[in-house]
C-alpha atoms as a PDB file:
ATOM      1  CA  MET A   1     228.718  23.597 -97.787  1.00  0.00           C
ATOM      2  CA  SER A   2     226.971  26.467 -96.026  1.00  0.00           C
ATOM      3  CA  LEU A   3     224.930  27.302 -99.127  1.00  0.00           C
ATOM      4  CA  ARG A   4     223.893  23.663 -99.510  1.00  0.00           C
ATOM      5  CA  PHE A   5     222.816  23.673 -95.857  1.00  0.00           C
ATOM      6  CA  LEU A   6     220.630  26.746 -96.484  1.00  0.00           C
ATOM      7  CA  ASP A   7     219.000  25.190 -99.544  1.00  0.00           C
ATOM      8  CA  LEU A   8     215.523  24.727 -98.097  1.00  0.00           C
ATOM      9  CA  ALA A   9     214.098  23.570-101.438  1.00  0.00           C
ATOM     10  CA  ARG A  10     215.781  20.183-101.043  1.00  0.00           C
ATOM     11  CA  PRO A  11     213.276  17.431-100.127  1.00  0.00           C
ATOM     12  CA  SER A  12     215.163  16.557 -96.959  1.00  0.00           C
ATOM     13  CA  ARG A  13     214.853  20.119 -95.645  1.00  0.00           C
ATOM     14  CA  GLN A  14     211.383  21.157 -96.856  1.00  0.00           C
ATOM     15  CA  HIS A  15     209.937  20.858 -93.347  1.00  0.00           C
ATOM     16  CA  TRP A  16     212.403  23.519 -92.188  1.00  0.00           C
ATOM     17  CA  LEU A  17     210.885  25.890 -94.742  1.00  0.00           C
ATOM     18  CA  GLY A  18     207.481  25.390 -93.123  1.00  0.00           C
ATOM     19  CA  TYR A  19     208.907  26.127 -89.673  1.00  0.00           C
ATOM     20  CA  LEU A  20     210.609  29.240 -91.041  1.00  0.00           C
ATOM     21  CA  LEU A  21     207.377  30.544 -92.568  1.00  0.00           C
ATOM     22  CA  LEU A  22     205.482  29.896 -89.327  1.00  0.00           C
ATOM     23  CA  LEU A  23     208.097  31.671 -87.205  1.00  0.00           C
ATOM     24  CA  PRO A  24     206.700  35.248 -87.620  1.00  0.00           C
ATOM     25  CA  ALA A  25     203.188  34.112 -86.701  1.00  0.00           C
ATOM     26  CA  VAL A  26     204.440  32.175 -83.669  1.00  0.00           C
ATOM     27  CA  ALA A  27     206.504  35.154 -82.532  1.00  0.00           C
ATOM     28  CA  LEU A  28     203.506  37.465 -82.907  1.00  0.00           C
ATOM     29  CA  VAL A  29     201.238  35.119 -80.912  1.00  0.00           C
ATOM     30  CA  ALA A  30     203.882  34.842 -78.199  1.00  0.00           C
ATOM     31  CA  LEU A  31     204.211  38.617 -78.074  1.00  0.00           C
ATOM     32  CA  ILE A  32     200.530  39.551 -77.874  1.00  0.00           C
ATOM     33  CA  ILE A  33     199.101  36.499 -76.043  1.00  0.00           C
ATOM     34  CA  VAL A  34     201.672  34.410 -74.193  1.00  0.00           C
ATOM     35  CA  TYR A  35     203.767  37.254 -72.754  1.00  0.00           C
ATOM     36  CA  PRO A  36     200.788  39.255 -71.336  1.00  0.00           C
ATOM     37  CA  LEU A  37     199.433  36.008 -69.901  1.00  0.00           C
ATOM     38  CA  PHE A  38     202.654  35.348 -68.012  1.00  0.00           C
ATOM     39  CA  VAL A  39     202.746  38.981 -66.858  1.00  0.00           C
ATOM     40  CA  SER A  40     199.190  38.656 -65.511  1.00  0.00           C
ATOM     41  CA  LEU A  41     200.051  35.396 -63.790  1.00  0.00           C
ATOM     42  CA  ASP A  42     203.110  36.999 -62.202  1.00  0.00           C
ATOM     43  CA  LEU A  43     201.097  40.046 -61.062  1.00  0.00           C
ATOM     44  CA  SER A  44     198.476  37.805 -59.469  1.00  0.00           C
ATOM     45  CA  PHE A  45     201.128  36.588 -57.002  1.00  0.00           C
ATOM     46  CA  GLN A  46     202.101  40.119 -55.979  1.00  0.00           C
ATOM     47  CA  LYS A  47     200.357  42.597 -53.737  1.00  0.00           C
ATOM     48  CA  ILE A  48     200.606  45.522 -56.119  1.00  0.00           C
ATOM     49  CA  GLY A  49     198.475  48.562 -56.836  1.00  0.00           C
ATOM     50  CA  MET A  50     199.362  50.287 -60.097  1.00  0.00           C
ATOM     51  CA  ALA A  51     201.777  48.160 -62.120  1.00  0.00           C
ATOM     52  CA  THR A  52     204.654  49.945 -63.876  1.00  0.00           C
ATOM     53  CA  LEU A  53     207.603  48.575 -65.827  1.00  0.00           C
ATOM     54  CA  SER A  54     210.134  50.512 -63.748  1.00  0.00           C
ATOM     55  CA  ALA A  55     208.816  49.361 -60.362  1.00  0.00           C
ATOM     56  CA  PRO A  56     210.735  46.541 -58.629  1.00  0.00           C
ATOM     57  CA  ARG A  57     208.993  43.189 -58.323  1.00  0.00           C
ATOM     58  CA  LYS A  58     206.992  42.698 -55.140  1.00  0.00           C
ATOM     59  CA  PRO A  59     207.496  39.606 -52.937  1.00  0.00           C
ATOM     60  CA  PHE A  60     205.671  36.403 -53.864  1.00  0.00           C
ATOM     61  CA  THR A  61     202.368  36.029 -52.012  1.00  0.00           C
ATOM     62  CA  LEU A  62     199.077  34.128 -52.181  1.00  0.00           C
ATOM     63  CA  GLU A  63     197.174  36.923 -50.480  1.00  0.00           C
ATOM     64  CA  ASN A  64     195.298  37.906 -53.656  1.00  0.00           C
ATOM     65  CA  TYR A  65     193.864  34.407 -54.044  1.00  0.00           C
ATOM     66  CA  HIS A  66     193.045  34.099 -50.339  1.00  0.00           C
ATOM     67  CA  LYS A  67     191.223  37.414 -50.501  1.00  0.00           C
ATOM     68  CA  LEU A  68     189.506  36.434 -53.744  1.00  0.00           C
ATOM     69  CA  PHE A  69     188.059  33.115 -52.582  1.00  0.00           C
ATOM     70  CA  ALA A  70     186.919  34.688 -49.308  1.00  0.00           C
ATOM     71  CA  SER A  71     185.189  37.591 -51.057  1.00  0.00           C
ATOM     72  CA  PRO A  72     181.366  37.530 -51.351  1.00  0.00           C
ATOM     73  CA  ASP A  73     181.668  39.867 -54.343  1.00  0.00           C
ATOM     74  CA  PHE A  74     183.714  37.275 -56.227  1.00  0.00           C
ATOM     75  CA  TRP A  75     181.195  34.497 -55.634  1.00  0.00           C
ATOM     76  CA  ASN A  76     178.352  36.842 -56.559  1.00  0.00           C
ATOM     77  CA  SER A  77     180.170  37.702 -59.802  1.00  0.00           C
ATOM     78  CA  CYS A  78     180.668  33.993 -60.504  1.00  0.00           C
ATOM     79  CA  TRP A  79     176.966  33.341 -59.963  1.00  0.00           C
ATOM     80  CA  VAL A  80     175.941  36.262 -62.202  1.00  0.00           C
ATOM     81  CA  THR A  81     178.386  35.124 -64.902  1.00  0.00           C
ATOM     82  CA  ILE A  82     177.127  31.530 -64.808  1.00  0.00           C
ATOM     83  CA  LYS A  83     173.491  32.670 -64.962  1.00  0.00           C
ATOM     84  CA  LEU A  84     174.260  34.941 -67.880  1.00  0.00           C
ATOM     85  CA  VAL A  85     176.192  32.211 -69.705  1.00  0.00           C
ATOM     86  CA  VAL A  86     173.384  29.676 -69.292  1.00  0.00           C
ATOM     87  CA  VAL A  87     170.538  32.043 -70.206  1.00  0.00           C
ATOM     88  CA  VAL A  88     172.245  33.780 -73.120  1.00  0.00           C
ATOM     89  CA  SER A  89     173.816  30.639 -74.591  1.00  0.00           C
ATOM     90  CA  ALA A  90     170.581  28.626 -74.404  1.00  0.00           C
ATOM     91  CA  ALA A  91     168.509  31.435 -75.911  1.00  0.00           C
ATOM     92  CA  CYS A  92     171.090  32.135 -78.631  1.00  0.00           C
ATOM     93  CA  PHE A  93     171.068  28.485 -79.647  1.00  0.00           C
ATOM     94  CA  ALA A  94     167.279  28.226 -79.614  1.00  0.00           C
ATOM     95  CA  VAL A  95     166.761  31.404 -81.672  1.00  0.00           C
ATOM     96  CA  GLY A  96     169.832  30.834 -83.845  1.00  0.00           C
ATOM     97  CA  LEU A  97     168.928  27.239 -84.715  1.00  0.00           C
ATOM     98  CA  GLY A  98     165.325  28.211 -85.426  1.00  0.00           C
ATOM     99  CA  THR A  99     166.244  31.083 -87.736  1.00  0.00           C
ATOM    100  CA  ALA A 100     168.882  28.958 -89.482  1.00  0.00           C
ATOM    101  CA  LEU A 101     166.304  26.245 -90.185  1.00  0.00           C
ATOM    102  CA  LEU A 102     163.911  28.915 -91.453  1.00  0.00           C
ATOM    103  CA  VAL A 103     166.272  30.651 -93.879  1.00  0.00           C
ATOM    104  CA  ASN A 104     167.664  27.288 -95.047  1.00  0.00           C
ATOM    105  CA  ASN A 105     164.341  26.591 -96.782  1.00  0.00           C
ATOM    106  CA  ARG A 106     163.689  27.753-100.325  1.00  0.00           C
ATOM    107  CA  PHE A 107     161.203  30.623-100.431  1.00  0.00           C
ATOM    108  CA  LYS A 108     160.817  33.976-102.098  1.00  0.00           C
ATOM    109  CA  GLY A 109     162.935  36.641-100.420  1.00  0.00           C
ATOM    110  CA  ARG A 110     165.296  34.148 -98.753  1.00  0.00           C
ATOM    111  CA  THR A 111     168.352  36.303 -99.476  1.00  0.00           C
ATOM    112  CA  LEU A 112     166.759  39.320 -97.801  1.00  0.00           C
ATOM    113  CA  ALA A 113     165.706  37.185 -94.830  1.00  0.00           C
ATOM    114  CA  ARG A 114     169.271  35.954 -94.399  1.00  0.00           C
ATOM    115  CA  LEU A 115     170.480  39.539 -94.469  1.00  0.00           C
ATOM    116  CA  PHE A 116     168.095  40.543 -91.675  1.00  0.00           C
ATOM    117  CA  VAL A 117     169.073  37.482 -89.608  1.00  0.00           C
ATOM    118  CA  ALA A 118     172.762  38.452 -89.772  1.00  0.00           C
ATOM    119  CA  LEU A 119     172.169  42.187 -89.306  1.00  0.00           C
ATOM    120  CA  PRO A 120     172.427  42.332 -85.463  1.00  0.00           C
ATOM    121  CA  TRP A 121     175.855  40.697 -85.600  1.00  0.00           C
ATOM    122  CA  ALA A 122     177.139  43.524 -87.800  1.00  0.00           C
ATOM    123  CA  VAL A 123     175.858  46.257 -85.461  1.00  0.00           C
ATOM    124  CA  PRO A 124     178.606  47.521 -83.092  1.00  0.00           C
ATOM    125  CA  GLU A 125     177.981  46.579 -79.471  1.00  0.00           C
ATOM    126  CA  VAL A 126     177.845  50.195 -78.281  1.00  0.00           C
ATOM    127  CA  ILE A 127     175.177  51.007 -80.891  1.00  0.00           C
ATOM    128  CA  ALA A 128     173.180  47.952 -79.795  1.00  0.00           C
ATOM    129  CA  VAL A 129     173.409  49.126 -76.180  1.00  0.00           C
ATOM    130  CA  VAL A 130     172.140  52.600 -77.122  1.00  0.00           C
ATOM    131  CA  ILE A 131     169.178  51.032 -78.951  1.00  0.00           C
ATOM    132  CA  PHE A 132     168.210  48.801 -76.024  1.00  0.00           C
ATOM    133  CA  ALA A 133     168.817  51.561 -73.482  1.00  0.00           C
ATOM    134  CA  TRP A 134     166.134  53.570 -75.325  1.00  0.00           C
ATOM    135  CA  ILE A 135     163.805  50.541 -75.642  1.00  0.00           C
ATOM    136  CA  PHE A 136     163.954  49.887 -71.882  1.00  0.00           C
ATOM    137  CA  ASP A 137     164.045  53.499 -70.740  1.00  0.00           C
ATOM    138  CA  SER A 138     161.810  53.924 -67.663  1.00  0.00           C
ATOM    139  CA  SER A 139     160.354  57.272 -68.783  1.00  0.00           C
ATOM    140  CA  PHE A 140     159.730  57.021 -72.535  1.00  0.00           C
ATOM    141  CA  GLY A 141     160.937  53.576 -73.537  1.00  0.00           C
ATOM    142  CA  LEU A 142     159.204  51.414 -76.108  1.00  0.00           C
ATOM    143  CA  MET A 143     158.933  48.394 -73.805  1.00  0.00           C
ATOM    144  CA  ASN A 144     157.055  50.254 -71.047  1.00  0.00           C
ATOM    145  CA  TRP A 145     154.673  51.747 -73.625  1.00  0.00           C
ATOM    146  CA  LEU A 146     154.036  48.271 -75.075  1.00  0.00           C
ATOM    147  CA  PHE A 147     153.450  46.694 -71.656  1.00  0.00           C
ATOM    148  CA  ILE A 148     150.957  49.413 -70.710  1.00  0.00           C
ATOM    149  CA  LYS A 149     149.104  49.129 -74.042  1.00  0.00           C
ATOM    150  CA  LEU A 150     148.823  45.350 -73.660  1.00  0.00           C
ATOM    151  CA  GLY A 151     147.630  45.677 -70.062  1.00  0.00           C
ATOM    152  CA  ILE A 152     150.590  43.713 -68.638  1.00  0.00           C
ATOM    153  CA  THR A 153     151.350  46.545 -66.213  1.00  0.00           C
ATOM    154  CA  SER A 154     149.669  49.792 -65.193  1.00  0.00           C
ATOM    155  CA  GLN A 155     152.804  51.758 -64.333  1.00  0.00           C
ATOM    156  CA  MET A 156     156.287  52.352 -65.658  1.00  0.00           C
ATOM    157  CA  ILE A 157     158.876  49.690 -64.836  1.00  0.00           C
ATOM    158  CA  ASN A 158     162.289  50.899 -63.665  1.00  0.00           C
ATOM    159  CA  TRP A 159     164.284  48.437 -65.742  1.00  0.00           C
ATOM    160  CA  PHE A 160     167.694  49.697 -64.635  1.00  0.00           C
ATOM    161  CA  SER A 161     166.855  50.188 -60.934  1.00  0.00           C
ATOM    162  CA  GLU A 162     165.582  46.703 -60.098  1.00  0.00           C
ATOM    163  CA  PRO A 163     168.205  43.909 -59.961  1.00  0.00           C
ATOM    164  CA  THR A 164     166.124  41.214 -61.672  1.00  0.00           C
ATOM    165  CA  ALA A 165     164.876  43.548 -64.402  1.00  0.00           C
ATOM    166  CA  ALA A 166     168.398  44.870 -65.065  1.00  0.00           C
ATOM    167  CA  PHE A 167     169.727  41.320 -65.411  1.00  0.00           C
ATOM    168  CA  TRP A 168     167.101  40.473 -68.014  1.00  0.00           C
ATOM    169  CA  VAL A 169     167.748  43.688 -69.922  1.00  0.00           C
ATOM    170  CA  VAL A 170     171.414  42.727 -70.207  1.00  0.00           C
ATOM    171  CA  ALA A 171     170.523  39.144 -71.163  1.00  0.00           C
ATOM    172  CA  ILE A 172     168.060  40.225 -73.868  1.00  0.00           C
ATOM    173  CA  THR A 173     170.581  42.662 -75.329  1.00  0.00           C
ATOM    174  CA  MET A 174     173.262  39.973 -75.475  1.00  0.00           C
ATOM    175  CA  ILE A 175     170.840  37.453 -76.997  1.00  0.00           C
ATOM    176  CA  TRP A 176     169.882  39.923 -79.741  1.00  0.00           C
ATOM    177  CA  LYS A 177     173.549  40.601 -80.421  1.00  0.00           C
ATOM    178  CA  GLY A 178     174.732  36.998 -80.276  1.00  0.00           C
ATOM    179  CA  TYR A 179     172.104  34.795 -81.924  1.00  0.00           C
ATOM    180  CA  PRO A 180     173.077  35.756 -85.539  1.00  0.00           C
ATOM    181  CA  PHE A 181     176.484  34.126 -85.041  1.00  0.00           C
ATOM    182  CA  VAL A 182     174.770  30.853 -84.125  1.00  0.00           C
ATOM    183  CA  SER A 183     172.455  31.258 -87.137  1.00  0.00           C
ATOM    184  CA  ILE A 184     175.332  31.785 -89.560  1.00  0.00           C
ATOM    185  CA  MET A 185     177.372  28.859 -88.233  1.00  0.00           C
ATOM    186  CA  THR A 186     174.351  26.540 -88.149  1.00  0.00           C
ATOM    187  CA  LEU A 187     173.241  27.576 -91.632  1.00  0.00           C
ATOM    188  CA  ALA A 188     176.691  26.716 -92.979  1.00  0.00           C
ATOM    189  CA  GLY A 189     176.406  23.306 -91.327  1.00  0.00           C
ATOM    190  CA  LEU A 190     172.903  22.720 -92.680  1.00  0.00           C
ATOM    191  CA  GLN A 191     174.008  23.409 -96.237  1.00  0.00           C
ATOM    192  CA  SER A 192     176.748  20.799 -95.912  1.00  0.00           C
ATOM    193  CA  ILE A 193     174.275  17.970 -95.139  1.00  0.00           C
ATOM    194  CA  PRO A 194     173.686  15.815 -98.249  1.00  0.00           C
ATOM    195  CA  GLU A 195     170.109  15.878 -99.500  1.00  0.00           C
ATOM    196  CA  ASP A 196     170.281  12.099 -99.947  1.00  0.00           C
ATOM    197  CA  PHE A 197     170.068  11.654 -96.165  1.00  0.00           C
ATOM    198  CA  TYR A 198     166.658  13.311 -96.064  1.00  0.00           C
ATOM    199  CA  ASN A 199     165.418  11.573 -99.208  1.00  0.00           C
ATOM    200  CA  ALA A 200     166.318   8.162 -97.787  1.00  0.00           C
ATOM    201  CA  ALA A 201     164.603   9.033 -94.500  1.00  0.00           C
ATOM    202  CA  LYS A 202     161.439  10.106 -96.359  1.00  0.00           C
ATOM    203  CA  VAL A 203     161.405   6.785 -98.219  1.00  0.00           C
ATOM    204  CA  ASP A 204     161.644   4.993 -94.865  1.00  0.00           C
ATOM    205  CA  GLY A 205     158.628   6.961 -93.603  1.00  0.00           C
ATOM    206  CA  ALA A 206     160.364   9.390 -91.231  1.00  0.00           C
ATOM    207  CA  ASN A 207     158.404  12.546 -90.459  1.00  0.00           C
ATOM    208  CA  ALA A 208     159.849  16.071 -90.212  1.00  0.00           C
ATOM    209  CA  PHE A 209     160.647  15.836 -86.512  1.00  0.00           C
ATOM    210  CA  GLN A 210     162.342  12.452 -86.893  1.00  0.00           C
ATOM    211  CA  ARG A 211     164.465  13.763 -89.773  1.00  0.00           C
ATOM    212  CA  PHE A 212     165.468  16.738 -87.654  1.00  0.00           C
ATOM    213  CA  TRP A 213     166.274  14.685 -84.542  1.00  0.00           C
ATOM    214  CA  TYR A 214     168.034  11.716 -86.149  1.00  0.00           C
ATOM    215  CA  ILE A 215     169.759  13.410 -89.110  1.00  0.00           C
ATOM    216  CA  THR A 216     170.099  17.180 -88.663  1.00  0.00           C
ATOM    217  CA  ILE A 217     171.163  17.315 -85.018  1.00  0.00           C
ATOM    218  CA  PRO A 218     173.716  14.434 -85.126  1.00  0.00           C
ATOM    219  CA  VAL A 219     175.354  15.740 -88.306  1.00  0.00           C
ATOM    220  CA  LEU A 220     175.496  19.280 -86.902  1.00  0.00           C
ATOM    221  CA  MET A 221     177.207  18.199 -83.667  1.00  0.00           C
ATOM    222  CA  PRO A 222     180.733  19.312 -84.704  1.00  0.00           C
ATOM    223  CA  VAL A 223     179.408  22.737 -85.744  1.00  0.00           C
ATOM    224  CA  LEU A 224     177.262  23.072 -82.635  1.00  0.00           C
ATOM    225  CA  GLY A 225     180.171  22.022 -80.426  1.00  0.00           C
ATOM    226  CA  VAL A 226     182.551  24.659 -81.754  1.00  0.00           C
ATOM    227  CA  THR A 227     179.806  27.287 -81.835  1.00  0.00           C
ATOM    228  CA  SER A 228     178.818  26.590 -78.230  1.00  0.00           C
ATOM    229  CA  VAL A 229     182.416  27.092 -77.100  1.00  0.00           C
ATOM    230  CA  LEU A 230     182.704  30.395 -78.960  1.00  0.00           C
ATOM    231  CA  VAL A 231     179.358  31.666 -77.632  1.00  0.00           C
ATOM    232  CA  VAL A 232     180.188  30.715 -74.032  1.00  0.00           C
ATOM    233  CA  LEU A 233     183.596  32.377 -74.270  1.00  0.00           C
ATOM    234  CA  TRP A 234     181.970  35.490 -75.761  1.00  0.00           C
ATOM    235  CA  VAL A 235     179.482  35.731 -72.875  1.00  0.00           C
ATOM    236  CA  PHE A 236     182.275  35.094 -70.350  1.00  0.00           C
ATOM    237  CA  ARG A 237     184.477  37.877 -71.682  1.00  0.00           C
ATOM    238  CA  ASP A 238     181.874  40.391 -72.892  1.00  0.00           C
ATOM    239  CA  PHE A 239     182.447  43.741 -71.286  1.00  0.00           C
ATOM    240  CA  SER A 240     181.119  46.631 -73.349  1.00  0.00           C
ATOM    241  CA  ILE A 241     177.418  45.679 -73.289  1.00  0.00           C
ATOM    242  CA  ILE A 242     177.291  45.375 -69.495  1.00  0.00           C
ATOM    243  CA  LYS A 243     179.607  48.321 -68.847  1.00  0.00           C
ATOM    244  CA  VAL A 244     177.662  50.774 -70.990  1.00  0.00           C
ATOM    245  CA  LEU A 245     174.194  49.453 -70.159  1.00  0.00           C
ATOM    246  CA  THR A 246     174.300  48.945 -66.362  1.00  0.00           C
ATOM    247  CA  ASP A 247     177.956  49.278 -65.252  1.00  0.00           C
ATOM    248  CA  GLY A 248     177.467  46.137 -63.155  1.00  0.00           C
ATOM    249  CA  GLY A 249     174.532  47.502 -61.200  1.00  0.00           C
ATOM    250  CA  PRO A 250     172.114  47.820 -59.587  1.00  0.00           C
ATOM    251  CA  LEU A 251     173.392  46.258 -56.354  1.00  0.00           C
ATOM    252  CA  LYS A 252     175.946  44.284 -58.439  1.00  0.00           C
ATOM    253  CA  ALA A 253     173.133  42.302 -60.060  1.00  0.00           C
ATOM    254  CA  THR A 254     174.913  42.440 -63.430  1.00  0.00           C
ATOM    255  CA  GLN A 255     178.518  42.458 -62.201  1.00  0.00           C
ATOM    256  CA  THR A 256     180.257  39.659 -64.071  1.00  0.00           C
ATOM    257  CA  LEU A 257     183.862  38.568 -63.661  1.00  0.00           C
ATOM    258  CA  SER A 258     184.965  40.833 -66.517  1.00  0.00           C
ATOM    259  CA  ILE A 259     183.305  43.869 -64.909  1.00  0.00           C
ATOM    260  CA  MET A 260     184.807  43.001 -61.524  1.00  0.00           C
ATOM    261  CA  THR A 261     188.265  42.662 -63.092  1.00  0.00           C
ATOM    262  CA  TYR A 262     187.973  46.084 -64.732  1.00  0.00           C
ATOM    263  CA  ASP A 263     186.695  47.751 -61.566  1.00  0.00           C
ATOM    264  CA  GLN A 264     189.492  46.319 -59.442  1.00  0.00           C
ATOM    265  CA  ALA A 265     192.192  47.184 -61.993  1.00  0.00           C
ATOM    266  CA  PHE A 266     191.139  50.657 -63.135  1.00  0.00           C
ATOM    267  CA  GLY A 267     188.625  51.693 -60.497  1.00  0.00           C
ATOM    268  CA  PHE A 268     190.461  50.742 -57.312  1.00  0.00           C
ATOM    269  CA  PHE A 269     193.945  50.279 -58.864  1.00  0.00           C
ATOM    270  CA  ASN A 270     194.441  46.792 -57.415  1.00  0.00           C
ATOM    271  CA  MET A 271     196.340  45.281 -60.339  1.00  0.00           C
ATOM    272  CA  GLY A 272     197.474  42.198 -58.433  1.00  0.00           C
ATOM    273  CA  TYR A 273     193.962  41.397 -57.236  1.00  0.00           C
ATOM    274  CA  ALA A 274     192.509  42.074 -60.694  1.00  0.00           C
ATOM    275  CA  SER A 275     195.111  39.758 -62.245  1.00  0.00           C
ATOM    276  CA  ALA A 276     194.053  36.997 -59.853  1.00  0.00           C
ATOM    277  CA  ILE A 277     190.430  37.430 -60.967  1.00  0.00           C
ATOM    278  CA  GLY A 278     191.546  37.288 -64.598  1.00  0.00           C
ATOM    279  CA  ILE A 279     193.544  34.098 -64.070  1.00  0.00           C
ATOM    280  CA  VAL A 280     190.607  32.384 -62.332  1.00  0.00           C
ATOM    281  CA  THR A 281     188.326  33.503 -65.188  1.00  0.00           C
ATOM    282  CA  LEU A 282     190.780  32.045 -67.701  1.00  0.00           C
ATOM    283  CA  VAL A 283     190.833  28.715 -65.863  1.00  0.00           C
ATOM    284  CA  LEU A 284     187.022  28.594 -65.813  1.00  0.00           C
ATOM    285  CA  CYS A 285     186.888  29.335 -69.550  1.00  0.00           C
ATOM    286  CA  VAL A 286     189.436  26.605 -70.343  1.00  0.00           C
ATOM    287  CA  VAL A 287     187.610  24.020 -68.227  1.00  0.00           C
ATOM    288  CA  ALA A 288     184.241  24.909 -69.788  1.00  0.00           C
ATOM    289  CA  SER A 289     185.719  24.731 -73.296  1.00  0.00           C
ATOM    290  CA  LEU A 290     187.279  21.319 -72.708  1.00  0.00           C
ATOM    291  CA  LEU A 291     184.049  19.917 -71.283  1.00  0.00           C
ATOM    292  CA  MET A 292     181.940  21.197 -74.182  1.00  0.00           C
ATOM    293  CA  LEU A 293     184.371  20.146 -76.913  1.00  0.00           C
ATOM    294  CA  GLY A 294     184.646  16.681 -75.413  1.00  0.00           C
ATOM    295  CA  ARG A 295     180.888  16.152 -75.415  1.00  0.00           C
ATOM    296  CA  LYS A 296     179.579  17.989 -78.468  1.00  0.00           C
ATOM    297  CA  SER A 297     182.240  17.933 -81.147  1.00  0.00           C
ATOM    298  CA  GLN A 298     181.674  14.383 -82.399  1.00  0.00           C
ATOM    299  CA  ALA A 299     179.197  13.749 -85.203  1.00  0.00           C
ATOM    300  CA  MET A 300     177.259  10.504 -85.618  1.00  0.00           C
ATOM    301  CA  TYR A 301     178.202  10.162 -89.299  1.00  0.00           C
END
C-alpha cells in the first residue's frame, strides 16, 4: 500500500509530482528572499546598532519609523529618487524605443548596429562609472573640452561639486547604461507584430505616424508595461553607479534611498533605522509596480 501511495506516475497523483519538483526552488526562494525580508522587517521594529545572530532581541518599538518620517534627509532622498526615476525612465524609453525602431528596419549593417545598441548593457556598471567619471572630469574631461570648443562655456565646469550638475551626471550615466535593455525588449516586441497589420493600414491610407500610434504602440503595451516596471525597479535599487560616481554628494544632491540605507547600515551602524528605510523603499517599489502593471500591461489586440 505504501508503494502504491508513492507511485507519483499514476494520473490521480501527477500533480503531486509537480509540487515535489517545485519544492527545491520554493525552498531556495524562501531562504534567500523571504527569510531576509522577515529579518529586515523585524529589525526595523528594534532600536539596534550592529545586528548579530547571538544578540538578544531588542524590545518592539516604532521609534525608527517616527524618526524616519520626521527626518528631512529621508524626504530629500525620496525626492532625489523620484526625480531620478522619472528622468532616467523617461529618457531610457525615449532613446530605447527610438533605437529599437531604427534597428528593426532592414538596412546594410543592421546586425552590427544592433550589437552597438546592446553594448552599454554588457559593460559592467563600475566600468561605465569610470568612463563617465573621465568624461565629466573638471580638469581634463571630454565634456568640458567639448563645451569650451563649442563656445557653450568659457571655463571649466565642476561637474561633481555642483548639486545640479552632479545629479545630471548620474542621470546621464544611468540612461547610457539602461536604455539598451529597453531597446532589446522593445525590439523583441516589434518583431512579434504581424506584417499584415501594417499592410492593411497602408491599404487604408494610414501614414507612418498613424501606423506607429495606432498599431505599434497598442500592440507593444504588454512589453512596455513589463519593461517600465523593470526599469523603474532598477533605478530605485541601483547603488553602484551613484556610490562610485558621487557617493550621494554633493550636499546629498544624489543621495537616493539605496545610498541612504547603505550609509545608515554600514556608515553609522544603525541597522534598525536602515531596515526601516529598506522596508519603506520596498513598499514604494511594490506600489509603483502595481500601478504601472495595471495601466500599461494590456494590449489593444
